[in-house]
């Protein structure tokens, strides 16, 4: 049985506000299912994806790049190399920033 979560529960679990979660949905980053009453329903997979988004943001990756990554992710396995390239680019930016700070 897959666990599901209401938006308020996801907000508490991720420390993201409900408006932020709704904004991410507007941007196409999140695609929660809807109940018959039109309530958002999130899954464990959604939570894992939100955690990825949070980690990407912590690296300084702009939302535009995360959206690009997300769109590629939705296309499936054939975009793995493109997604790796985005992550490697962010890693290089972090290395450069680290070097500048030292």
PDB file of N, CA and C in Angstrom:
ATOM      1  N   UNK A   1       0.826  -1.185   0.000  1.00  0.00           N
ATOM      2  CA  UNK A   1       0.000   0.000   0.000  1.00  0.00           C
ATOM      3  C   UNK A   1       0.871   1.250   0.000  1.00  0.00           C
ATOM      4  N   UNK A   2       0.612   2.146  -0.918  1.00  0.00           N
ATOM      5  CA  UNK A   2       1.368   3.391  -1.001  1.00  0.00           C
ATOM      6  C   UNK A   2       0.765   4.426  -0.064  1.00  0.00           C
ATOM      7  N   UNK A   3       1.629   5.083   0.696  1.00  0.00           N
ATOM      8  CA  UNK A   3       1.171   6.148   1.567  1.00  0.00           C
ATOM      9  C   UNK A   3       0.891   7.392   0.744  1.00  0.00           C
ATOM     10  N   UNK A   4      -0.118   8.119   1.145  1.00  0.00           N
ATOM     11  CA  UNK A   4      -0.415   9.392   0.493  1.00  0.00           C
ATOM     12  C   UNK A   4      -0.494  10.468   1.562  1.00  0.00           C
ATOM     13  N   UNK A   5      -0.286  11.696   1.132  1.00  0.00           N
ATOM     14  CA  UNK A   5      -0.211  12.825   2.047  1.00  0.00           C
ATOM     15  C   UNK A   5      -1.006  13.994   1.499  1.00  0.00           C
ATOM     16  N   UNK A   6      -1.652  14.714   2.416  1.00  0.00           N
ATOM     17  CA  UNK A   6      -2.306  15.964   2.060  1.00  0.00           C
ATOM     18  C   UNK A   6      -1.243  17.051   1.979  1.00  0.00           C
ATOM     19  N   UNK A   7      -1.578  18.152   1.346  1.00  0.00           N
ATOM     20  CA  UNK A   7      -0.607  19.232   1.167  1.00  0.00           C
ATOM     21  C   UNK A   7      -0.115  19.765   2.511  1.00  0.00           C
ATOM     22  N   UNK A   8      -0.980  19.797   3.512  1.00  0.00           N
ATOM     23  CA  UNK A   8      -0.559  20.277   4.834  1.00  0.00           C
ATOM     24  C   UNK A   8       0.474  19.337   5.449  1.00  0.00           C
ATOM     25  N   UNK A   9       0.326  18.043   5.223  1.00  0.00           N
ATOM     26  CA  UNK A   9       1.292  17.070   5.738  1.00  0.00           C
ATOM     27  C   UNK A   9       2.629  17.205   5.002  1.00  0.00           C
ATOM     28  N   UNK A  10       2.563  17.391   3.691  1.00  0.00           N
ATOM     29  CA  UNK A  10       3.786  17.569   2.899  1.00  0.00           C
ATOM     30  C   UNK A  10       4.508  18.833   3.343  1.00  0.00           C
ATOM     31  N   UNK A  11       3.756  19.871   3.615  1.00  0.00           N
ATOM     32  CA  UNK A  11       4.333  21.123   4.088  1.00  0.00           C
ATOM     33  C   UNK A  11       5.121  20.902   5.381  1.00  0.00           C
ATOM     34  N   UNK A  12       4.542  20.166   6.307  1.00  0.00           N
ATOM     35  CA  UNK A  12       5.222  19.893   7.577  1.00  0.00           C
ATOM     36  C   UNK A  12       6.439  18.999   7.386  1.00  0.00           C
ATOM     37  N   UNK A  13       6.312  18.001   6.525  1.00  0.00           N
ATOM     38  CA  UNK A  13       7.414  17.053   6.305  1.00  0.00           C
ATOM     39  C   UNK A  13       8.605  17.680   5.582  1.00  0.00           C
ATOM     40  N   UNK A  14       8.342  18.661   4.736  1.00  0.00           N
ATOM     41  CA  UNK A  14       9.403  19.243   3.901  1.00  0.00           C
ATOM     42  C   UNK A  14       9.844  20.627   4.351  1.00  0.00           C
ATOM     43  N   UNK A  15       9.131  21.201   5.308  1.00  0.00           N
ATOM     44  CA  UNK A  15       9.388  22.579   5.742  1.00  0.00           C
ATOM     45  C   UNK A  15       9.193  23.585   4.608  1.00  0.00           C
ATOM     46  N   UNK A  16       8.351  23.249   3.654  1.00  0.00           N
ATOM     47  CA  UNK A  16       7.976  24.182   2.592  1.00  0.00           C
ATOM     48  C   UNK A  16       6.557  24.652   2.877  1.00  0.00           C
ATOM     49  N   UNK A  17       6.303  25.911   2.627  1.00  0.00           N
ATOM     50  CA  UNK A  17       4.962  26.430   2.871  1.00  0.00           C
ATOM     51  C   UNK A  17       3.985  25.873   1.836  1.00  0.00           C
ATOM     52  N   UNK A  18       2.726  25.890   2.187  1.00  0.00           N
ATOM     53  CA  UNK A  18       1.692  25.457   1.254  1.00  0.00           C
ATOM     54  C   UNK A  18       1.698  26.323  -0.004  1.00  0.00           C
ATOM     55  N   UNK A  19       1.819  27.660   0.129  1.00  0.00           N
ATOM     56  CA  UNK A  19       1.907  28.461  -1.105  1.00  0.00           C
ATOM     57  C   UNK A  19       3.107  28.082  -1.990  1.00  0.00           C
ATOM     58  N   UNK A  20       4.230  27.718  -1.375  1.00  0.00           N
ATOM     59  CA  UNK A  20       5.398  27.300  -2.159  1.00  0.00           C
ATOM     60  C   UNK A  20       5.093  26.011  -2.912  1.00  0.00           C
ATOM     61  N   UNK A  21       4.461  25.061  -2.249  1.00  0.00           N
ATOM     62  CA  UNK A  21       4.107  23.807  -2.912  1.00  0.00           C
ATOM     63  C   UNK A  21       3.138  24.057  -4.066  1.00  0.00           C
ATOM     64  N   UNK A  22       2.209  24.955  -3.857  1.00  0.00           N
ATOM     65  CA  UNK A  22       1.263  25.305  -4.942  1.00  0.00           C
ATOM     66  C   UNK A  22       1.993  25.996  -6.093  1.00  0.00           C
ATOM     67  N   UNK A  23       2.954  26.856  -5.747  1.00  0.00           N
ATOM     68  CA  UNK A  23       3.745  27.552  -6.767  1.00  0.00           C
ATOM     69  C   UNK A  23       4.550  26.544  -7.588  1.00  0.00           C
ATOM     70  N   UNK A  24       5.169  25.586  -6.908  1.00  0.00           N
ATOM     71  CA  UNK A  24       5.910  24.555  -7.631  1.00  0.00           C
ATOM     72  C   UNK A  24       4.986  23.773  -8.564  1.00  0.00           C
ATOM     73  N   UNK A  25       3.762  23.564  -8.134  1.00  0.00           N
ATOM     74  CA  UNK A  25       2.797  22.890  -9.001  1.00  0.00           C
ATOM     75  C   UNK A  25       2.479  23.759 -10.218  1.00  0.00           C
ATOM     76  N   UNK A  26       2.292  25.058  -9.994  1.00  0.00           N
ATOM     77  CA  UNK A  26       2.040  25.985 -11.108  1.00  0.00           C
ATOM     78  C   UNK A  26       3.183  25.974 -12.112  1.00  0.00           C
ATOM     79  N   UNK A  27       4.416  25.868 -11.603  1.00  0.00           N
ATOM     80  CA  UNK A  27       5.587  25.852 -12.471  1.00  0.00           C
ATOM     81  C   UNK A  27       5.747  24.529 -13.216  1.00  0.00           C
ATOM     82  N   UNK A  28       4.984  23.536 -12.820  1.00  0.00           N
ATOM     83  CA  UNK A  28       5.093  22.226 -13.447  1.00  0.00           C
ATOM     84  C   UNK A  28       6.111  21.321 -12.782  1.00  0.00           C
ATOM     85  N   UNK A  29       6.621  21.733 -11.629  1.00  0.00           N
ATOM     86  CA  UNK A  29       7.586  20.894 -10.915  1.00  0.00           C
ATOM     87  C   UNK A  29       6.912  19.750 -10.170  1.00  0.00           C
ATOM     88  N   UNK A  30       5.699  19.966  -9.717  1.00  0.00           N
ATOM     89  CA  UNK A  30       4.951  18.952  -8.982  1.00  0.00           C
ATOM     90  C   UNK A  30       3.663  18.630  -9.726  1.00  0.00           C
ATOM     91  N   UNK A  31       3.272  17.373  -9.648  1.00  0.00           N
ATOM     92  CA  UNK A  31       2.053  16.917 -10.307  1.00  0.00           C
ATOM     93  C   UNK A  31       1.268  16.009  -9.361  1.00  0.00           C
ATOM     94  N   UNK A  32       0.780  16.577  -8.252  1.00  0.00           N
ATOM     95  CA  UNK A  32       0.024  15.720  -7.337  1.00  0.00           C
ATOM     96  C   UNK A  32      -1.288  15.270  -7.962  1.00  0.00           C
ATOM     97  N   UNK A  33      -1.697  14.081  -7.557  1.00  0.00           N
ATOM     98  CA  UNK A  33      -3.022  13.619  -7.994  1.00  0.00           C
ATOM     99  C   UNK A  33      -4.075  14.434  -7.269  1.00  0.00           C
ATOM    100  N   UNK A  34      -5.309  14.335  -7.726  1.00  0.00           N
ATOM    101  CA  UNK A  34      -6.419  15.039  -7.096  1.00  0.00           C
ATOM    102  C   UNK A  34      -7.492  14.028  -6.689  1.00  0.00           C
ATOM    103  N   UNK A  35      -8.111  14.297  -5.540  1.00  0.00           N
ATOM    104  CA  UNK A  35      -9.228  13.469  -5.097  1.00  0.00           C
ATOM    105  C   UNK A  35     -10.494  13.913  -5.806  1.00  0.00           C
ATOM    106  N   UNK A  36     -11.587  13.221  -5.548  1.00  0.00           N
ATOM    107  CA  UNK A  36     -12.878  13.599  -6.123  1.00  0.00           C
ATOM    108  C   UNK A  36     -13.280  15.001  -5.684  1.00  0.00           C
ATOM    109  N   UNK A  37     -12.821  15.406  -4.500  1.00  0.00           N
ATOM    110  CA  UNK A  37     -13.105  16.755  -3.991  1.00  0.00           C
ATOM    111  C   UNK A  37     -12.080  17.780  -4.448  1.00  0.00           C
ATOM    112  N   UNK A  38     -11.176  17.375  -5.336  1.00  0.00           N
ATOM    113  CA  UNK A  38     -10.132  18.228  -5.903  1.00  0.00           C
ATOM    114  C   UNK A  38      -9.020  18.581  -4.911  1.00  0.00           C
ATOM    115  N   UNK A  39      -8.869  17.779  -3.850  1.00  0.00           N
ATOM    116  CA  UNK A  39      -7.750  17.971  -2.928  1.00  0.00           C
ATOM    117  C   UNK A  39      -6.501  17.341  -3.521  1.00  0.00           C
ATOM    118  N   UNK A  40      -5.370  17.987  -3.292  1.00  0.00           N
ATOM    119  CA  UNK A  40      -4.106  17.437  -3.756  1.00  0.00           C
ATOM    120  C   UNK A  40      -3.730  16.227  -2.905  1.00  0.00           C
ATOM    121  N   UNK A  41      -3.193  15.195  -3.571  1.00  0.00           N
ATOM    122  CA  UNK A  41      -2.727  14.001  -2.885  1.00  0.00           C
ATOM    123  C   UNK A  41      -1.307  13.729  -3.360  1.00  0.00           C
ATOM    124  N   UNK A  42      -0.369  13.714  -2.411  1.00  0.00           N
ATOM    125  CA  UNK A  42       1.038  13.485  -2.713  1.00  0.00           C
ATOM    126  C   UNK A  42       1.431  12.069  -2.302  1.00  0.00           C
ATOM    127  N   UNK A  43       2.398  11.514  -3.013  1.00  0.00           N
ATOM    128  CA  UNK A  43       2.888  10.164  -2.737  1.00  0.00           C
ATOM    129  C   UNK A  43       4.314  10.230  -2.194  1.00  0.00           C
ATOM    130  N   UNK A  44       4.824   9.075  -1.813  1.00  0.00           N
ATOM    131  CA  UNK A  44       6.223   8.972  -1.385  1.00  0.00           C
ATOM    132  C   UNK A  44       7.163   9.434  -2.499  1.00  0.00           C
ATOM    133  N   UNK A  45       6.812   9.106  -3.741  1.00  0.00           N
ATOM    134  CA  UNK A  45       7.625   9.528  -4.882  1.00  0.00           C
ATOM    135  C   UNK A  45       7.635  11.049  -4.997  1.00  0.00           C
ATOM    136  N   UNK A  46       6.488  11.666  -4.757  1.00  0.00           N
ATOM    137  CA  UNK A  46       6.422  13.130  -4.767  1.00  0.00           C
ATOM    138  C   UNK A  46       7.329  13.715  -3.691  1.00  0.00           C
ATOM    139  N   UNK A  47       7.300  13.104  -2.504  1.00  0.00           N
ATOM    140  CA  UNK A  47       8.158  13.588  -1.413  1.00  0.00           C
ATOM    141  C   UNK A  47       9.633  13.475  -1.783  1.00  0.00           C
ATOM    142  N   UNK A  48      10.019  12.364  -2.394  1.00  0.00           N
ATOM    143  CA  UNK A  48      11.416  12.189  -2.814  1.00  0.00           C
ATOM    144  C   UNK A  48      11.802  13.251  -3.846  1.00  0.00           C
ATOM    145  N   UNK A  49      10.892  13.552  -4.772  1.00  0.00           N
ATOM    146  CA  UNK A  49      11.162  14.565  -5.792  1.00  0.00           C
ATOM    147  C   UNK A  49      11.288  15.947  -5.153  1.00  0.00           C
ATOM    148  N   UNK A  50      10.435  16.249  -4.184  1.00  0.00           N
ATOM    149  CA  UNK A  50      10.511  17.531  -3.474  1.00  0.00           C
ATOM    150  C   UNK A  50      11.859  17.640  -2.761  1.00  0.00           C
ATOM    151  N   UNK A  51      12.320  16.550  -2.177  1.00  0.00           N
ATOM    152  CA  UNK A  51      13.626  16.566  -1.518  1.00  0.00           C
ATOM    153  C   UNK A  51      14.742  16.825  -2.522  1.00  0.00           C
ATOM    154  N   UNK A  52      14.630  16.271  -3.718  1.00  0.00           N
ATOM    155  CA  UNK A  52      15.618  16.562  -4.758  1.00  0.00           C
ATOM    156  C   UNK A  52      15.600  18.045  -5.098  1.00  0.00           C
ATOM    157  N   UNK A  53      14.411  18.603  -5.269  1.00  0.00           N
ATOM    158  CA  UNK A  53      14.287  20.031  -5.580  1.00  0.00           C
ATOM    159  C   UNK A  53      14.951  20.864  -4.482  1.00  0.00           C
ATOM    160  N   UNK A  54      14.707  20.508  -3.234  1.00  0.00           N
ATOM    161  CA  UNK A  54      15.297  21.243  -2.118  1.00  0.00           C
ATOM    162  C   UNK A  54      16.826  21.149  -2.132  1.00  0.00           C
ATOM    163  N   UNK A  55      17.352  19.965  -2.411  1.00  0.00           N
ATOM    164  CA  UNK A  55      18.813  19.810  -2.479  1.00  0.00           C
ATOM    165  C   UNK A  55      19.387  20.619  -3.635  1.00  0.00           C
ATOM    166  N   UNK A  56      18.707  20.607  -4.769  1.00  0.00           N
ATOM    167  CA  UNK A  56      19.177  21.378  -5.927  1.00  0.00           C
ATOM    168  C   UNK A  56      19.200  22.864  -5.591  1.00  0.00           C
ATOM    169  N   UNK A  57      18.155  23.345  -4.938  1.00  0.00           N
ATOM    170  CA  UNK A  57      18.101  24.757  -4.552  1.00  0.00           C
ATOM    171  C   UNK A  57      19.223  25.106  -3.578  1.00  0.00           C
ATOM    172  N   UNK A  58      19.551  24.185  -2.678  1.00  0.00           N
ATOM    173  CA  UNK A  58      20.626  24.430  -1.713  1.00  0.00           C
ATOM    174  C   UNK A  58      21.983  24.571  -2.402  1.00  0.00           C
ATOM    175  N   UNK A  59      22.120  23.995  -3.576  1.00  0.00           N
ATOM    176  CA  UNK A  59      23.373  24.149  -4.322  1.00  0.00           C
ATOM    177  C   UNK A  59      23.413  25.472  -5.079  1.00  0.00           C
ATOM    178  N   UNK A  60      22.295  26.200  -5.027  1.00  0.00           N
ATOM    179  CA  UNK A  60      22.222  27.464  -5.758  1.00  0.00           C
ATOM    180  C   UNK A  60      21.660  27.326  -7.152  1.00  0.00           C
ATOM    181  N   UNK A  61      21.189  26.140  -7.499  1.00  0.00           N
ATOM    182  CA  UNK A  61      20.624  25.948  -8.835  1.00  0.00           C
ATOM    183  C   UNK A  61      19.350  26.794  -8.967  1.00  0.00           C
ATOM    184  N   UNK A  62      19.273  27.609 -10.009  1.00  0.00           N
ATOM    185  CA  UNK A  62      18.073  28.437 -10.193  1.00  0.00           C
ATOM    186  C   UNK A  62      16.850  27.581 -10.538  1.00  0.00           C
ATOM    187  N   UNK A  63      15.687  28.090 -10.182  1.00  0.00           N
ATOM    188  CA  UNK A  63      14.448  27.367 -10.478  1.00  0.00           C
ATOM    189  C   UNK A  63      14.304  27.070 -11.968  1.00  0.00           C
ATOM    190  N   UNK A  64      14.766  27.966 -12.807  1.00  0.00           N
ATOM    191  CA  UNK A  64      14.673  27.736 -14.257  1.00  0.00           C
ATOM    192  C   UNK A  64      15.416  26.455 -14.650  1.00  0.00           C
ATOM    193  N   UNK A  65      16.570  26.215 -14.054  1.00  0.00           N
ATOM    194  CA  UNK A  65      17.342  24.996 -14.351  1.00  0.00           C
ATOM    195  C   UNK A  65      16.652  23.769 -13.773  1.00  0.00           C
ATOM    196  N   UNK A  66      16.063  23.930 -12.586  1.00  0.00           N
ATOM    197  CA  UNK A  66      15.344  22.810 -11.977  1.00  0.00           C
ATOM    198  C   UNK A  66      14.133  22.459 -12.828  1.00  0.00           C
ATOM    199  N   UNK A  67      13.468  23.456 -13.364  1.00  0.00           N
ATOM    200  CA  UNK A  67      12.325  23.211 -14.258  1.00  0.00           C
ATOM    201  C   UNK A  67      12.789  22.489 -15.518  1.00  0.00           C
ATOM    202  N   UNK A  68      13.907  22.947 -16.070  1.00  0.00           N
ATOM    203  CA  UNK A  68      14.463  22.280 -17.260  1.00  0.00           C
ATOM    204  C   UNK A  68      14.770  20.817 -16.949  1.00  0.00           C
ATOM    205  N   UNK A  69      15.397  20.575 -15.809  1.00  0.00           N
ATOM    206  CA  UNK A  69      15.715  19.213 -15.373  1.00  0.00           C
ATOM    207  C   UNK A  69      14.427  18.401 -15.230  1.00  0.00           C
ATOM    208  N   UNK A  70      13.417  19.010 -14.623  1.00  0.00           N
ATOM    209  CA  UNK A  70      12.136  18.335 -14.394  1.00  0.00           C
ATOM    210  C   UNK A  70      11.484  17.916 -15.702  1.00  0.00           C
ATOM    211  N   UNK A  71      11.503  18.805 -16.678  1.00  0.00           N
ATOM    212  CA  UNK A  71      10.901  18.488 -17.974  1.00  0.00           C
ATOM    213  C   UNK A  71      11.636  17.322 -18.645  1.00  0.00           C
ATOM    214  N   UNK A  72      12.952  17.326 -18.512  1.00  0.00           N
ATOM    215  CA  UNK A  72      13.730  16.224 -19.067  1.00  0.00           C
ATOM    216  C   UNK A  72      13.417  14.925 -18.330  1.00  0.00           C
ATOM    217  N   UNK A  73      13.290  15.004 -17.023  1.00  0.00           N
ATOM    218  CA  UNK A  73      12.974  13.842 -16.190  1.00  0.00           C
ATOM    219  C   UNK A  73      11.648  13.219 -16.618  1.00  0.00           C
ATOM    220  N   UNK A  74      10.677  14.058 -16.926  1.00  0.00           N
ATOM    221  CA  UNK A  74       9.369  13.569 -17.348  1.00  0.00           C
ATOM    222  C   UNK A  74       9.427  12.823 -18.683  1.00  0.00           C
ATOM    223  N   UNK A  75      10.430  13.117 -19.491  1.00  0.00           N
ATOM    224  CA  UNK A  75      10.565  12.450 -20.791  1.00  0.00           C
ATOM    225  C   UNK A  75      11.139  11.051 -20.657  1.00  0.00           C
ATOM    226  N   UNK A  76      11.745  10.746 -19.511  1.00  0.00           N
ATOM    227  CA  UNK A  76      12.214   9.384 -19.278  1.00  0.00           C
ATOM    228  C   UNK A  76      13.706   9.186 -19.464  1.00  0.00           C
ATOM    229  N   UNK A  77      14.058   7.916 -19.552  1.00  0.00           N
ATOM    230  CA  UNK A  77      15.454   7.486 -19.537  1.00  0.00           C
ATOM    231  C   UNK A  77      16.299   8.051 -20.679  1.00  0.00           C
ATOM    232  N   UNK A  78      15.668   8.381 -21.802  1.00  0.00           N
ATOM    233  CA  UNK A  78      16.466   8.872 -22.934  1.00  0.00           C
ATOM    234  C   UNK A  78      17.092  10.239 -22.665  1.00  0.00           C
ATOM    235  N   UNK A  79      16.711  10.881 -21.572  1.00  0.00           N
ATOM    236  CA  UNK A  79      17.260  12.205 -21.256  1.00  0.00           C
ATOM    237  C   UNK A  79      18.293  12.168 -20.125  1.00  0.00           C
ATOM    238  N   UNK A  80      18.715  10.985 -19.747  1.00  0.00           N
ATOM    239  CA  UNK A  80      19.645  10.864 -18.615  1.00  0.00           C
ATOM    240  C   UNK A  80      20.920  11.658 -18.856  1.00  0.00           C
ATOM    241  N   UNK A  81      21.484  11.574 -20.032  1.00  0.00           N
ATOM    242  CA  UNK A  81      22.740  12.286 -20.303  1.00  0.00           C
ATOM    243  C   UNK A  81      22.561  13.800 -20.204  1.00  0.00           C
ATOM    244  N   UNK A  82      21.435  14.298 -20.660  1.00  0.00           N
ATOM    245  CA  UNK A  82      21.159  15.733 -20.558  1.00  0.00           C
ATOM    246  C   UNK A  82      21.001  16.153 -19.091  1.00  0.00           C
ATOM    247  N   UNK A  83      20.352  15.303 -18.309  1.00  0.00           N
ATOM    248  CA  UNK A  83      20.173  15.607 -16.887  1.00  0.00           C
ATOM    249  C   UNK A  83      21.502  15.568 -16.148  1.00  0.00           C
ATOM    250  N   UNK A  84      22.326  14.608 -16.490  1.00  0.00           N
ATOM    251  CA  UNK A  84      23.658  14.533 -15.883  1.00  0.00           C
ATOM    252  C   UNK A  84      24.454  15.785 -16.229  1.00  0.00           C
ATOM    253  N   UNK A  85      24.329  16.256 -17.451  1.00  0.00           N
ATOM    254  CA  UNK A  85      25.038  17.467 -17.874  1.00  0.00           C
ATOM    255  C   UNK A  85      24.609  18.673 -17.039  1.00  0.00           C
ATOM    256  N   UNK A  86      23.327  18.783 -16.736  1.00  0.00           N
ATOM    257  CA  UNK A  86      22.835  19.887 -15.897  1.00  0.00           C
ATOM    258  C   UNK A  86      23.453  19.789 -14.498  1.00  0.00           C
ATOM    259  N   UNK A  87      23.485  18.587 -13.948  1.00  0.00           N
ATOM    260  CA  UNK A  87      24.055  18.406 -12.609  1.00  0.00           C
ATOM    261  C   UNK A  87      25.563  18.671 -12.606  1.00  0.00           C
ATOM    262  N   UNK A  88      26.241  18.227 -13.650  1.00  0.00           N
ATOM    263  CA  UNK A  88      27.681  18.475 -13.737  1.00  0.00           C
ATOM    264  C   UNK A  88      27.978  19.961 -13.883  1.00  0.00           C
ATOM    265  N   UNK A  89      27.158  20.665 -14.635  1.00  0.00           N
ATOM    266  CA  UNK A  89      27.318  22.106 -14.787  1.00  0.00           C
ATOM    267  C   UNK A  89      27.170  22.796 -13.423  1.00  0.00           C
ATOM    268  N   UNK A  90      26.192  22.366 -12.644  1.00  0.00           N
ATOM    269  CA  UNK A  90      25.997  22.949 -11.319  1.00  0.00           C
ATOM    270  C   UNK A  90      27.176  22.618 -10.404  1.00  0.00           C
ATOM    271  N   UNK A  91      27.694  21.411 -10.534  1.00  0.00           N
ATOM    272  CA  UNK A  91      28.863  21.027  -9.741  1.00  0.00           C
ATOM    273  C   UNK A  91      30.064  21.911 -10.084  1.00  0.00           C
ATOM    274  N   UNK A  92      30.255  22.188 -11.364  1.00  0.00           N
ATOM    275  CA  UNK A  92      31.359  23.058 -11.785  1.00  0.00           C
ATOM    276  C   UNK A  92      31.185  24.477 -11.237  1.00  0.00           C
ATOM    277  N   UNK A  93      29.942  24.962 -11.236  1.00  0.00           N
ATOM    278  CA  UNK A  93      29.686  26.292 -10.674  1.00  0.00           C
ATOM    279  C   UNK A  93      30.009  26.324  -9.179  1.00  0.00           C
ATOM    280  N   UNK A  94      29.668  25.263  -8.481  1.00  0.00           N
ATOM    281  CA  UNK A  94      29.973  25.188  -7.052  1.00  0.00           C
ATOM    282  C   UNK A  94      31.481  25.115  -6.803  1.00  0.00           C
ATOM    283  N   UNK A  95      32.169  24.353  -7.629  1.00  0.00           N
ATOM    284  CA  UNK A  95      33.628  24.262  -7.500  1.00  0.00           C
ATOM    285  C   UNK A  95      34.271  25.622  -7.735  1.00  0.00           C
ATOM    286  N   UNK A  96      33.793  26.346  -8.731  1.00  0.00           N
ATOM    287  CA  UNK A  96      34.317  27.675  -9.024  1.00  0.00           C
ATOM    288  C   UNK A  96      34.046  28.622  -7.858  1.00  0.00           C
ATOM    289  N   UNK A  97      32.857  28.548  -7.306  1.00  0.00           N
ATOM    290  CA  UNK A  97      32.504  29.390  -6.159  1.00  0.00           C
ATOM    291  C   UNK A  97      33.380  29.054  -4.949  1.00  0.00           C
ATOM    292  N   UNK A  98      33.610  27.780  -4.744  1.00  0.00           N
ATOM    293  CA  UNK A  98      34.471  27.335  -3.646  1.00  0.00           C
ATOM    294  C   UNK A  98      35.882  27.876  -3.830  1.00  0.00           C
ATOM    295  N   UNK A  99      36.368  27.777  -5.064  1.00  0.00           N
ATOM    296  CA  UNK A  99      37.715  28.269  -5.378  1.00  0.00           C
ATOM    297  C   UNK A  99      37.814  29.770  -5.132  1.00  0.00           C
ATOM    298  N   UNK A 100      36.792  30.508  -5.536  1.00  0.00           N
ATOM    299  CA  UNK A 100      36.786  31.969  -5.333  1.00  0.00           C
ATOM    300  C   UNK A 100      36.741  32.333  -3.863  1.00  0.00           C
ATOM    301  N   UNK A 101      36.059  31.525  -3.059  1.00  0.00           N
ATOM    302  CA  UNK A 101      35.985  31.796  -1.629  1.00  0.00           C
ATOM    303  C   UNK A 101      37.301  31.512  -0.918  1.00  0.00           C
ATOM    304  N   UNK A 102      38.065  30.580  -1.436  1.00  0.00           N
ATOM    305  CA  UNK A 102      39.352  30.238  -0.815  1.00  0.00           C
ATOM    306  C   UNK A 102      40.357  31.260  -1.230  1.00  0.00           C
TER     307      UNK A 102
END
